[in-house]
PDB file of N, CA and C in Angstrom:
ATOM      1  N   MET A   1      99.966 100.707 131.508  1.00  0.00           N
ATOM      2  CA  MET A   1     100.891 100.172 132.348  1.00  0.00           C
ATOM      3  C   MET A   1     100.437  98.642 133.074  1.00  0.00           C
ATOM      4  N   THR A   2     101.028  97.670 133.132  1.00  0.00           N
ATOM      5  CA  THR A   2     100.304  96.417 133.572  1.00  0.00           C
ATOM      6  C   THR A   2     101.124  96.065 134.725  1.00  0.00           C
ATOM      7  N   GLU A   3     100.489  95.094 135.544  1.00  0.00           N
ATOM      8  CA  GLU A   3     101.133  94.599 136.665  1.00  0.00           C
ATOM      9  C   GLU A   3     102.362  93.939 136.426  1.00  0.00           C
ATOM     10  N   LYS A   4     102.639  93.547 135.291  1.00  0.00           N
ATOM     11  CA  LYS A   4     103.980  92.965 134.747  1.00  0.00           C
ATOM     12  C   LYS A   4     104.998  93.825 134.645  1.00  0.00           C
ATOM     13  N   ASP A   5     104.516  94.970 133.882  1.00  0.00           N
ATOM     14  CA  ASP A   5     105.571  95.944 133.983  1.00  0.00           C
ATOM     15  C   ASP A   5     105.816  96.762 135.215  1.00  0.00           C
ATOM     16  N   ILE A   6     105.069  96.769 136.198  1.00  0.00           N
ATOM     17  CA  ILE A   6     105.609  97.040 137.634  1.00  0.00           C
ATOM     18  C   ILE A   6     106.442  96.374 138.338  1.00  0.00           C
ATOM     19  N   GLN A   7     106.128  94.898 138.014  1.00  0.00           N
ATOM     20  CA  GLN A   7     107.067  94.070 138.482  1.00  0.00           C
ATOM     21  C   GLN A   7     108.422  94.124 138.066  1.00  0.00           C
ATOM     22  N   ARG A   8     108.595  94.354 136.551  1.00  0.00           N
ATOM     23  CA  ARG A   8     109.751  94.495 135.883  1.00  0.00           C
ATOM     24  C   ARG A   8     110.516  95.477 136.461  1.00  0.00           C
ATOM     25  N   ILE A   9     110.003  96.853 136.916  1.00  0.00           N
ATOM     26  CA  ILE A   9     110.417  97.944 137.259  1.00  0.00           C
ATOM     27  C   ILE A   9     111.198  97.578 138.535  1.00  0.00           C
ATOM     28  N   ASN A  10     110.420  96.807 139.455  1.00  0.00           N
ATOM     29  CA  ASN A  10     110.896  96.503 140.855  1.00  0.00           C
ATOM     30  C   ASN A  10     112.179  95.454 140.831  1.00  0.00           C
ATOM     31  N   GLU A  11     111.949  94.551 139.706  1.00  0.00           N
ATOM     32  CA  GLU A  11     113.097  93.590 139.386  1.00  0.00           C
ATOM     33  C   GLU A  11     114.442  94.298 139.191  1.00  0.00           C
ATOM     34  N   LEU A  12     114.222  95.373 138.260  1.00  0.00           N
ATOM     35  CA  LEU A  12     115.358  96.186 137.710  1.00  0.00           C
ATOM     36  C   LEU A  12     115.707  96.842 138.831  1.00  0.00           C
ATOM     37  N   TYR A  13     115.031  97.453 139.755  1.00  0.00           N
ATOM     38  CA  TYR A  13     115.462  98.039 140.837  1.00  0.00           C
ATOM     39  C   TYR A  13     116.519  97.295 141.798  1.00  0.00           C
ATOM     40  N   HIS A  14     116.036  96.194 142.103  1.00  0.00           N
ATOM     41  CA  HIS A  14     116.665  95.221 142.754  1.00  0.00           C
ATOM     42  C   HIS A  14     118.022  94.967 142.140  1.00  0.00           C
ATOM     43  N   LYS A  15     118.083  94.855 140.547  1.00  0.00           N
ATOM     44  CA  LYS A  15     119.183  94.426 140.154  1.00  0.00           C
ATOM     45  C   LYS A  15     120.198  95.802 140.354  1.00  0.00           C
ATOM     46  N   LYS A  16     119.765  96.911 140.091  1.00  0.00           N
ATOM     47  CA  LYS A  16     120.543  98.145 140.447  1.00  0.00           C
ATOM     48  C   LYS A  16     121.411  97.969 141.680  1.00  0.00           C
ATOM     49  N   MET A  17     120.177  97.979 142.773  1.00  0.00           N
ATOM     50  CA  MET A  17     120.906  97.931 144.094  1.00  0.00           C
ATOM     51  C   MET A  17     122.053  96.775 144.286  1.00  0.00           C
ATOM     52  N   GLU A  18     121.814  95.850 143.731  1.00  0.00           N
ATOM     53  CA  GLU A  18     122.921  94.535 143.804  1.00  0.00           C
ATOM     54  C   GLU A  18     124.162  94.946 143.099  1.00  0.00           C
ATOM     55  N   GLY A  19     124.037  95.981 141.842  1.00  0.00           N
ATOM     56  CA  GLY A  19     125.111  96.102 140.970  1.00  0.00           C
ATOM     57  C   GLY A  19     125.261  95.217 140.062  1.00  0.00           C
ATOM     58  N   THR A  20     124.281  94.523 139.553  1.00  0.00           N
ATOM     59  CA  THR A  20     124.184  93.406 138.540  1.00  0.00           C
ATOM     60  C   THR A  20     123.505  94.085 137.244  1.00  0.00           C
ATOM     61  N   ILE A  21     123.277  95.173 137.413  1.00  0.00           N
ATOM     62  CA  ILE A  21     122.201  95.479 135.855  1.00  0.00           C
ATOM     63  C   ILE A  21     123.081  96.267 134.726  1.00  0.00           C
ATOM     64  N   THR A  22     122.625  95.804 133.513  1.00  0.00           N
ATOM     65  CA  THR A  22     123.529  95.976 132.640  1.00  0.00           C
ATOM     66  C   THR A  22     123.037  97.237 132.012  1.00  0.00           C
ATOM     67  N   PRO A  23     123.842  98.046 130.951  1.00  0.00           N
ATOM     68  CA  PRO A  23     123.478  98.949 130.366  1.00  0.00           C
ATOM     69  C   PRO A  23     122.047  98.946 129.576  1.00  0.00           C
ATOM     70  N   GLU A  24     121.763  97.621 129.028  1.00  0.00           N
ATOM     71  CA  GLU A  24     120.599  97.559 128.030  1.00  0.00           C
ATOM     72  C   GLU A  24     119.332  97.668 129.184  1.00  0.00           C
ATOM     73  N   GLU A  25     119.585  96.992 130.522  1.00  0.00           N
ATOM     74  CA  GLU A  25     118.503  97.287 131.434  1.00  0.00           C
ATOM     75  C   GLU A  25     118.254  98.453 132.225  1.00  0.00           C
ATOM     76  N   LEU A  26     119.305  99.439 132.283  1.00  0.00           N
ATOM     77  CA  LEU A  26     119.352 100.571 132.563  1.00  0.00           C
ATOM     78  C   LEU A  26     118.313 101.471 131.826  1.00  0.00           C
ATOM     79  N   GLU A  27     118.569 101.136 130.131  1.00  0.00           N
ATOM     80  CA  GLU A  27     117.786 102.103 129.274  1.00  0.00           C
ATOM     81  C   GLU A  27     116.190 101.482 129.682  1.00  0.00           C
ATOM     82  N   GLU A  28     115.981 100.283 129.729  1.00  0.00           N
ATOM     83  CA  GLU A  28     114.504  99.806 130.025  1.00  0.00           C
ATOM     84  C   GLU A  28     114.070 100.209 131.304  1.00  0.00           C
ATOM     85  N   GLN A  29     115.001 100.126 132.411  1.00  0.00           N
ATOM     86  CA  GLN A  29     114.223 100.906 133.582  1.00  0.00           C
ATOM     87  C   GLN A  29     114.113 102.135 133.272  1.00  0.00           C
ATOM     88  N   ALA A  30     114.772 103.017 132.419  1.00  0.00           N
ATOM     89  CA  ALA A  30     114.293 104.485 132.515  1.00  0.00           C
ATOM     90  C   ALA A  30     113.216 104.594 131.463  1.00  0.00           C
ATOM     91  N   ARG A  31     112.938 103.723 130.638  1.00  0.00           N
ATOM     92  CA  ARG A  31     111.762 103.825 129.845  1.00  0.00           C
ATOM     93  C   ARG A  31     110.387 103.277 130.332  1.00  0.00           C
ATOM     94  N   LEU A  32     110.641 102.398 131.109  1.00  0.00           N
ATOM     95  CA  LEU A  32     109.372 101.725 132.146  1.00  0.00           C
ATOM     96  C   LEU A  32     109.100 102.721 133.032  1.00  0.00           C
ATOM     97  N   ARG A  33     109.873 103.470 133.828  1.00  0.00           N
ATOM     98  CA  ARG A  33     109.802 104.468 134.737  1.00  0.00           C
ATOM     99  C   ARG A  33     108.860 105.699 134.017  1.00  0.00           C
ATOM    100  N   LYS A  34     109.535 106.309 133.002  1.00  0.00           N
ATOM    101  CA  LYS A  34     108.886 107.154 132.195  1.00  0.00           C
ATOM    102  C   LYS A  34     107.358 106.933 131.887  1.00  0.00           C
ATOM    103  N   GLU A  35     106.958 105.546 131.437  1.00  0.00           N
ATOM    104  CA  GLU A  35     105.812 105.103 130.901  1.00  0.00           C
ATOM    105  C   GLU A  35     104.979 105.185 132.349  1.00  0.00           C
ATOM    106  N   TYR A  36     105.503 104.680 133.404  1.00  0.00           N
ATOM    107  CA  TYR A  36     104.897 104.662 134.699  1.00  0.00           C
ATOM    108  C   TYR A  36     104.462 106.027 134.986  1.00  0.00           C
ATOM    109  N   VAL A  37     105.395 106.957 135.009  1.00  0.00           N
ATOM    110  CA  VAL A  37     104.909 108.274 135.450  1.00  0.00           C
ATOM    111  C   VAL A  37     103.759 108.935 134.657  1.00  0.00           C
ATOM    112  N   GLU A  38     103.942 108.603 133.256  1.00  0.00           N
ATOM    113  CA  GLU A  38     102.905 109.309 132.134  1.00  0.00           C
ATOM    114  C   GLU A  38     101.711 108.642 132.460  1.00  0.00           C
ATOM    115  N   ALA A  39     101.658 107.464 132.965  1.00  0.00           N
ATOM    116  CA  ALA A  39     100.222 106.543 133.240  1.00  0.00           C
ATOM    117  C   ALA A  39      99.842 107.278 134.573  1.00  0.00           C
ATOM    118  N   PHE A  40     100.474 107.445 135.391  1.00  0.00           N
ATOM    119  CA  PHE A  40     100.104 107.907 136.759  1.00  0.00           C
ATOM    120  C   PHE A  40      99.699 109.436 136.658  1.00  0.00           C
ATOM    121  N   LYS A  41      99.955 110.060 135.793  1.00  0.00           N
ATOM    122  CA  LYS A  41      99.535 111.548 135.791  1.00  0.00           C
ATOM    123  C   LYS A  41      98.237 111.540 135.090  1.00  0.00           C
ATOM    124  N   ARG A  42      98.209 110.629 133.821  1.00  0.00           N
ATOM    125  CA  ARG A  42      96.988 110.642 133.127  1.00  0.00           C
ATOM    126  C   ARG A  42      95.795 110.097 134.092  1.00  0.00           C
ATOM    127  N   ASN A  43      96.068 109.163 134.958  1.00  0.00           N
ATOM    128  CA  ASN A  43      95.048 108.677 135.991  1.00  0.00           C
ATOM    129  C   ASN A  43      94.814 109.739 137.093  1.00  0.00           C
ATOM    130  N   LEU A  44      95.487 110.420 137.376  1.00  0.00           N
ATOM    131  CA  LEU A  44      95.497 111.620 138.194  1.00  0.00           C
ATOM    132  C   LEU A  44      94.438 112.651 137.652  1.00  0.00           C
ATOM    133  N   ARG A  45      94.837 113.123 136.385  1.00  0.00           N
ATOM    134  CA  ARG A  45      94.067 114.012 135.796  1.00  0.00           C
ATOM    135  C   ARG A  45      92.788 113.681 135.744  1.00  0.00           C
ATOM    136  N   GLY A  46      92.583 112.276 135.324  1.00  0.00           N
ATOM    137  CA  GLY A  46      91.087 111.838 135.144  1.00  0.00           C
ATOM    138  C   GLY A  46      90.391 111.800 136.474  1.00  0.00           C
ATOM    139  N   ASN A  47      90.856 111.804 137.555  1.00  0.00           N
ATOM    140  CA  ASN A  47      90.335 111.429 138.784  1.00  0.00           C
ATOM    141  C   ASN A  47      89.936 113.034 139.219  1.00  0.00           C
ATOM    142  N   LEU A  48      90.874 113.984 138.942  1.00  0.00           N
ATOM    143  CA  LEU A  48      90.565 115.297 139.415  1.00  0.00           C
ATOM    144  C   LEU A  48      89.690 116.022 138.562  1.00  0.00           C
ATOM    145  N   GLU A  49      89.559 115.523 137.321  1.00  0.00           N
ATOM    146  CA  GLU A  49      88.429 116.327 136.487  1.00  0.00           C
ATOM    147  C   GLU A  49      87.370 115.815 136.960  1.00  0.00           C
ATOM    148  N   THR A  50      87.155 114.917 137.550  1.00  0.00           N
ATOM    149  CA  THR A  50      85.570 114.274 138.062  1.00  0.00           C
ATOM    150  C   THR A  50      85.285 114.727 139.249  1.00  0.00           C
ATOM    151  N   ILE A  51      85.981 115.664 139.933  1.00  0.00           N
ATOM    152  CA  ILE A  51      85.646 116.233 141.270  1.00  0.00           C
ATOM    153  C   ILE A  51      84.580 117.185 141.109  1.00  0.00           C
ATOM    154  N   THR A  52      83.534 117.109 142.138  1.00  0.00           N
ATOM    155  CA  THR A  52      82.794 118.162 142.303  1.00  0.00           C
ATOM    156  C   THR A  52      82.646 118.630 143.513  1.00  0.00           C
ATOM    157  N   ILE A  53      82.842 119.983 143.921  1.00  0.00           N
ATOM    158  CA  ILE A  53      82.797 120.439 145.285  1.00  0.00           C
ATOM    159  C   ILE A  53      81.341 120.884 145.631  1.00  0.00           C
ATOM    160  N   GLN A  54      80.780 120.441 146.768  1.00  0.00           N
ATOM    161  CA  GLN A  54      79.611 120.890 147.220  1.00  0.00           C
ATOM    162  C   GLN A  54      79.763 121.837 148.399  1.00  0.00           C
ATOM    163  N   TYR A  55      79.154 122.866 148.266  1.00  0.00           N
ATOM    164  CA  TYR A  55      79.191 123.877 149.370  1.00  0.00           C
ATOM    165  C   TYR A  55      78.238 123.848 150.438  1.00  0.00           C
ATOM    166  N   PRO A  56      78.396 124.160 151.650  1.00  0.00           N
ATOM    167  CA  PRO A  56      77.260 124.329 152.811  1.00  0.00           C
ATOM    168  C   PRO A  56      76.061 124.721 152.386  1.00  0.00           C
ATOM    169  N   ASP A  57      75.996 125.655 151.258  1.00  0.00           N
ATOM    170  CA  ASP A  57      74.658 126.200 150.916  1.00  0.00           C
ATOM    171  C   ASP A  57      73.795 125.309 149.789  1.00  0.00           C
ATOM    172  N   GLY A  58      74.683 124.173 149.419  1.00  0.00           N
ATOM    173  CA  GLY A  58      74.082 123.217 148.778  1.00  0.00           C
ATOM    174  C   GLY A  58      74.414 123.192 146.976  1.00  0.00           C
ATOM    175  N   ARG A  59      75.160 124.335 146.982  1.00  0.00           N
ATOM    176  CA  ARG A  59      75.715 124.649 145.605  1.00  0.00           C
ATOM    177  C   ARG A  59      76.718 123.689 145.341  1.00  0.00           C
ATOM    178  N   LYS A  60      76.682 123.255 143.862  1.00  0.00           N
ATOM    179  CA  LYS A  60      78.015 122.188 143.490  1.00  0.00           C
ATOM    180  C   LYS A  60      78.428 123.084 142.462  1.00  0.00           C
ATOM    181  N   VAL A  61      79.782 122.761 142.456  1.00  0.00           N
ATOM    182  CA  VAL A  61      80.706 123.183 141.474  1.00  0.00           C
ATOM    183  C   VAL A  61      81.554 122.285 140.875  1.00  0.00           C
ATOM    184  N   ASN A  62      81.897 122.017 139.527  1.00  0.00           N
ATOM    185  CA  ASN A  62      82.627 120.973 138.889  1.00  0.00           C
ATOM    186  C   ASN A  62      84.068 121.733 138.753  1.00  0.00           C
ATOM    187  N   VAL A  63      84.972 121.118 139.491  1.00  0.00           N
ATOM    188  CA  VAL A  63      86.333 121.545 139.504  1.00  0.00           C
ATOM    189  C   VAL A  63      86.890 121.752 138.010  1.00  0.00           C
ATOM    190  N   LYS A  64      86.765 120.782 137.050  1.00  0.00           N
ATOM    191  CA  LYS A  64      87.335 120.936 135.860  1.00  0.00           C
ATOM    192  C   LYS A  64      86.605 122.229 135.107  1.00  0.00           C
ATOM    193  N   LYS A  65      85.462 122.279 135.167  1.00  0.00           N
ATOM    194  CA  LYS A  65      84.881 123.534 134.426  1.00  0.00           C
ATOM    195  C   LYS A  65      85.131 124.812 135.042  1.00  0.00           C
ATOM    196  N   ARG A  66      85.132 124.798 136.501  1.00  0.00           N
ATOM    197  CA  ARG A  66      85.713 125.936 137.067  1.00  0.00           C
ATOM    198  C   ARG A  66      86.975 126.470 136.779  1.00  0.00           C
ATOM    199  N   HIS A  67      87.960 125.461 136.678  1.00  0.00           N
ATOM    200  CA  HIS A  67      89.317 125.603 135.931  1.00  0.00           C
ATOM    201  C   HIS A  67      89.321 126.320 134.703  1.00  0.00           C
ATOM    202  N   ASP A  68      88.542 125.415 133.873  1.00  0.00           N
ATOM    203  CA  ASP A  68      88.425 126.060 132.568  1.00  0.00           C
ATOM    204  C   ASP A  68      87.942 127.591 132.377  1.00  0.00           C
ATOM    205  N   GLU A  69      87.008 127.863 133.028  1.00  0.00           N
ATOM    206  CA  GLU A  69      86.517 129.188 133.018  1.00  0.00           C
ATOM    207  C   GLU A  69      87.434 130.208 133.416  1.00  0.00           C
ATOM    208  N   LYS A  70      88.136 129.606 134.535  1.00  0.00           N
ATOM    209  CA  LYS A  70      89.021 130.902 135.197  1.00  0.00           C
ATOM    210  C   LYS A  70      90.445 130.844 134.259  1.00  0.00           C
ATOM    211  N   TYR A  71      90.826 129.597 133.883  1.00  0.00           N
ATOM    212  CA  TYR A  71      92.170 129.846 133.167  1.00  0.00           C
ATOM    213  C   TYR A  71      92.034 129.696 131.687  1.00  0.00           C
ATOM    214  N   GLY A  72      90.752 129.425 131.092  1.00  0.00           N
ATOM    215  CA  GLY A  72      90.749 128.955 129.692  1.00  0.00           C
ATOM    216  C   GLY A  72      90.788 127.422 129.527  1.00  0.00           C
ATOM    217  N   LYS A  73      90.281 127.006 128.461  1.00  0.00           N
ATOM    218  CA  LYS A  73      90.541 125.914 128.066  1.00  0.00           C
ATOM    219  C   LYS A  73      91.695 125.450 127.541  1.00  0.00           C
ATOM    220  N   ARG A  74      92.539 124.357 128.000  1.00  0.00           N
ATOM    221  CA  ARG A  74      93.886 124.071 127.571  1.00  0.00           C
ATOM    222  C   ARG A  74      94.029 122.585 127.056  1.00  0.00           C
ATOM    223  N   ILE A  75      94.804 122.301 126.089  1.00  0.00           N
ATOM    224  CA  ILE A  75      95.078 121.003 125.492  1.00  0.00           C
ATOM    225  C   ILE A  75      95.905 120.446 126.495  1.00  0.00           C
ATOM    226  N   HIS A  76      95.399 119.053 126.988  1.00  0.00           N
ATOM    227  CA  HIS A  76      96.396 118.442 128.073  1.00  0.00           C
ATOM    228  C   HIS A  76      97.008 117.347 127.080  1.00  0.00           C
TER     229      HIS A  76
END
């Protein structure tokens, strides 16, 4: 997802609010929004998988490793 894509999402939003959006633009808006959400989820997952919790006793636990051990490895 590029900055240009995000700008286009915003342009289409404003056209929709003005009531001047075409059916083709509605489809484009839906496609771009879906791509945005997927990119957001990938980015969030990547961030969450790098988190390490450090307890007061100094012990460190990798959140992804703990999750995989508790729930089993899953294909994302």
